[in-house]
C-alpha cells in the first residue's frame, strides 16, 4: 500500500504544480481499489472518472487513452448533481469503461499488476502525464 500511496501522491503533486486539482486512483490487477487520493479542490466527479480510467486499463490491457482510440466515443450522460461534469455512457455494454486518457498500466516483468489514473487536469493528456509521474516514482520498487 505504501508504494500505491507514493505513486498517487506524486501524481497529484505533479498536477498541482501545474495548477490542476486532481484525483489519483490506484487499482490492483483484480480491480480492487488500493488508493483514491482526491487532491484539495478536485471536483467530486474526478473520483469516479479516475476509477473508470484505472478500470479501463485493467480490463483492456492498455492505457485508457489508447483504448479510446480503438472505439467510437460513446454518448454523454448527465451526472446527478447539477453543474457536474457529464460522463460517457457504457462502452461495449460495460458502464465502467471510459475512452478518456489518464489511466496507465503498472507493470512488473511485462505483466500488468495494477493501474494508476488521474482525473481533473485540463485534458486527458495532462492527466496521463501526471499519472506517468506517479508511475515513474515507483519504477523498480517491489509491488
Protein backbone atom coordinates (compact mmCIF):
# COMPACT_ATOMS: atom_id res chain seq x y z
CA UNK A 1 0.00 0.00 0.00
CA UNK A 2 2.87 2.40 0.74
CA UNK A 3 4.02 2.19 -2.88
CA UNK A 4 0.49 2.84 -4.19
CA UNK A 5 0.18 5.88 -1.91
CA UNK A 6 3.58 7.15 -3.04
CA UNK A 7 2.56 6.86 -6.71
CA UNK A 8 -0.78 8.61 -6.13
CA UNK A 9 0.79 11.41 -4.09
CA UNK A 10 3.42 12.00 -6.77
CA UNK A 11 0.77 12.17 -9.48
CA UNK A 12 -1.40 14.62 -7.51
CA UNK A 13 1.64 16.77 -6.69
CA UNK A 14 2.75 16.85 -10.34
CA UNK A 15 -0.66 18.08 -11.44
CA UNK A 16 -0.91 20.58 -8.57
CA UNK A 17 2.46 22.04 -9.61
CA UNK A 18 0.85 22.77 -12.98
CA UNK A 19 -2.25 24.31 -11.42
CA UNK A 20 -4.58 21.26 -11.67
CA UNK A 21 -6.64 19.89 -8.78
CA UNK A 22 -6.96 16.17 -9.44
CA UNK A 23 -7.81 12.76 -8.08
CA UNK A 24 -5.40 9.84 -8.47
CA UNK A 25 -6.54 6.23 -8.21
CA UNK A 26 -4.54 3.01 -8.00
CA UNK A 27 -6.16 -0.39 -8.65
CA UNK A 28 -4.76 -3.91 -8.36
CA UNK A 29 -4.96 -6.27 -11.32
CA UNK A 30 -8.08 -7.85 -9.81
CA UNK A 31 -9.79 -4.42 -9.94
CA UNK A 32 -9.61 -3.86 -6.18
CA UNK A 33 -9.12 -0.27 -5.18
CA UNK A 34 -5.81 0.30 -3.41
CA UNK A 35 -5.77 4.11 -3.20
CA UNK A 36 -8.04 7.01 -4.04
CA UNK A 37 -6.40 10.34 -3.34
CA UNK A 38 -8.58 13.36 -4.05
CA UNK A 39 -6.43 16.46 -4.02
CA UNK A 40 -7.57 19.71 -2.44
CA UNK A 41 -10.03 21.44 -4.74
CA UNK A 42 -10.54 18.43 -7.03
CA UNK A 43 -14.18 18.19 -8.14
CA UNK A 44 -16.33 15.31 -6.90
CA UNK A 45 -16.70 13.74 -10.32
CA UNK A 46 -12.94 13.26 -10.64
CA UNK A 47 -13.18 10.34 -8.21
CA UNK A 48 -15.50 8.35 -10.49
CA UNK A 49 -13.69 9.33 -13.68
CA UNK A 50 -10.30 8.30 -12.25
CA UNK A 51 -11.78 4.97 -11.12
CA UNK A 52 -13.15 4.31 -14.60
CA UNK A 53 -9.83 5.19 -16.21
CA UNK A 54 -7.94 2.79 -13.93
CA UNK A 55 -10.61 0.10 -14.50
CA UNK A 56 -10.29 0.53 -18.27
CA UNK A 57 -6.55 -0.13 -18.09
CA UNK A 58 -7.04 -3.42 -16.23
CA UNK A 59 -9.94 -4.59 -18.42
CA UNK A 60 -8.31 -3.73 -21.76
CA UNK A 61 -4.60 -4.15 -21.05
CA UNK A 62 -3.78 -0.72 -22.45
CA UNK A 63 -3.85 2.89 -21.36
CA UNK A 64 -7.32 4.41 -21.21
CA UNK A 65 -6.33 6.88 -23.92
CA UNK A 66 -5.08 4.11 -26.23
CA UNK A 67 -8.31 2.21 -25.63
CA UNK A 68 -10.22 5.36 -26.54
CA UNK A 69 -8.56 5.33 -29.96
CA UNK A 70 -9.97 1.86 -30.67
CA UNK A 71 -13.68 2.53 -30.13
CA UNK A 72 -16.15 5.24 -31.15
CA UNK A 73 -16.82 7.83 -28.48
CA UNK A 74 -19.96 6.91 -26.51
CA UNK A 75 -22.83 9.31 -25.87
CA UNK A 76 -22.52 11.56 -22.82
CA UNK A 77 -24.97 11.32 -19.93
CA UNK A 78 -25.61 13.91 -17.28
CA UNK A 79 -24.45 13.25 -13.75
CA UNK A 80 -26.98 13.55 -10.90
CA UNK A 81 -25.51 16.74 -9.41
CA UNK A 82 -26.44 19.99 -11.09
CA UNK A 83 -23.46 21.59 -12.76
CA UNK A 84 -21.35 18.43 -12.56
CA UNK A 85 -19.22 17.21 -15.41
CA UNK A 86 -21.03 14.84 -17.72
CA UNK A 87 -19.87 11.24 -18.00
CA UNK A 88 -19.86 8.95 -21.05
CA UNK A 89 -22.34 6.10 -21.29
CA UNK A 90 -21.41 2.41 -21.32
CA UNK A 91 -18.95 1.15 -23.91
CA UNK A 92 -19.45 -2.33 -25.33
CA UNK A 93 -22.10 -2.85 -22.64
CA UNK A 94 -19.68 -2.07 -19.79
CA UNK A 95 -20.63 1.08 -17.84
CA UNK A 96 -17.18 1.21 -16.20
CA UNK A 97 -15.10 1.57 -19.37
CA UNK A 98 -14.09 5.06 -20.44
CA UNK A 99 -12.30 6.39 -23.52
CA UNK A 100 -10.59 9.36 -21.87
CA UNK A 101 -6.81 9.43 -21.43
CA UNK A 102 -5.30 9.47 -17.95
CA UNK A 103 -5.04 5.82 -16.92
CA UNK A 104 -1.82 3.83 -17.38
CA UNK A 105 -0.76 0.29 -16.51
CA UNK A 106 1.60 -0.60 -13.68
CA UNK A 107 3.75 -3.47 -14.94
CA UNK A 108 6.15 -5.86 -13.29
CA UNK A 109 8.14 -8.17 -15.53
CA UNK A 110 5.99 -7.15 -18.50
CA UNK A 111 2.78 -8.19 -16.73
CA UNK A 112 0.11 -5.71 -15.64
CA UNK A 113 -0.08 -5.80 -11.85
CA UNK A 114 -2.23 -2.70 -11.45
CA UNK A 115 -3.10 0.69 -12.85
CA UNK A 116 -2.80 4.33 -11.90
CA UNK A 117 -5.04 7.06 -13.21
CA UNK A 118 -5.58 10.77 -12.82
CA UNK A 119 -8.64 12.93 -13.46
CA UNK A 120 -9.15 16.66 -13.21
CA UNK A 121 -6.42 18.32 -15.27
CA UNK A 122 -7.27 20.32 -18.38
CA UNK A 123 -7.36 17.36 -20.72
CA UNK A 124 -6.59 13.66 -20.68
CA UNK A 125 -3.06 14.21 -22.00
CA UNK A 126 -2.27 16.25 -18.88
CA UNK A 127 -3.94 13.64 -16.64
CA UNK A 128 -1.82 10.95 -18.27
CA UNK A 129 1.37 12.98 -17.86
CA UNK A 130 0.69 13.23 -14.12
CA UNK A 131 -0.13 9.51 -13.90
CA UNK A 132 3.19 8.80 -15.60
CA UNK A 133 4.99 10.91 -12.96
CA UNK A 134 3.42 8.69 -10.31
CA UNK A 135 4.40 5.58 -12.25
CA UNK A 136 7.99 6.81 -12.62
CA UNK A 137 8.16 7.46 -8.86
CA UNK A 138 7.63 3.76 -8.12
CA UNK A 139 9.63 2.32 -11.02
CA UNK A 140 11.84 -0.52 -9.87
CA UNK A 141 10.18 -0.81 -6.46
CA UNK A 142 8.63 -4.15 -5.47
CA UNK A 143 4.88 -4.24 -5.98
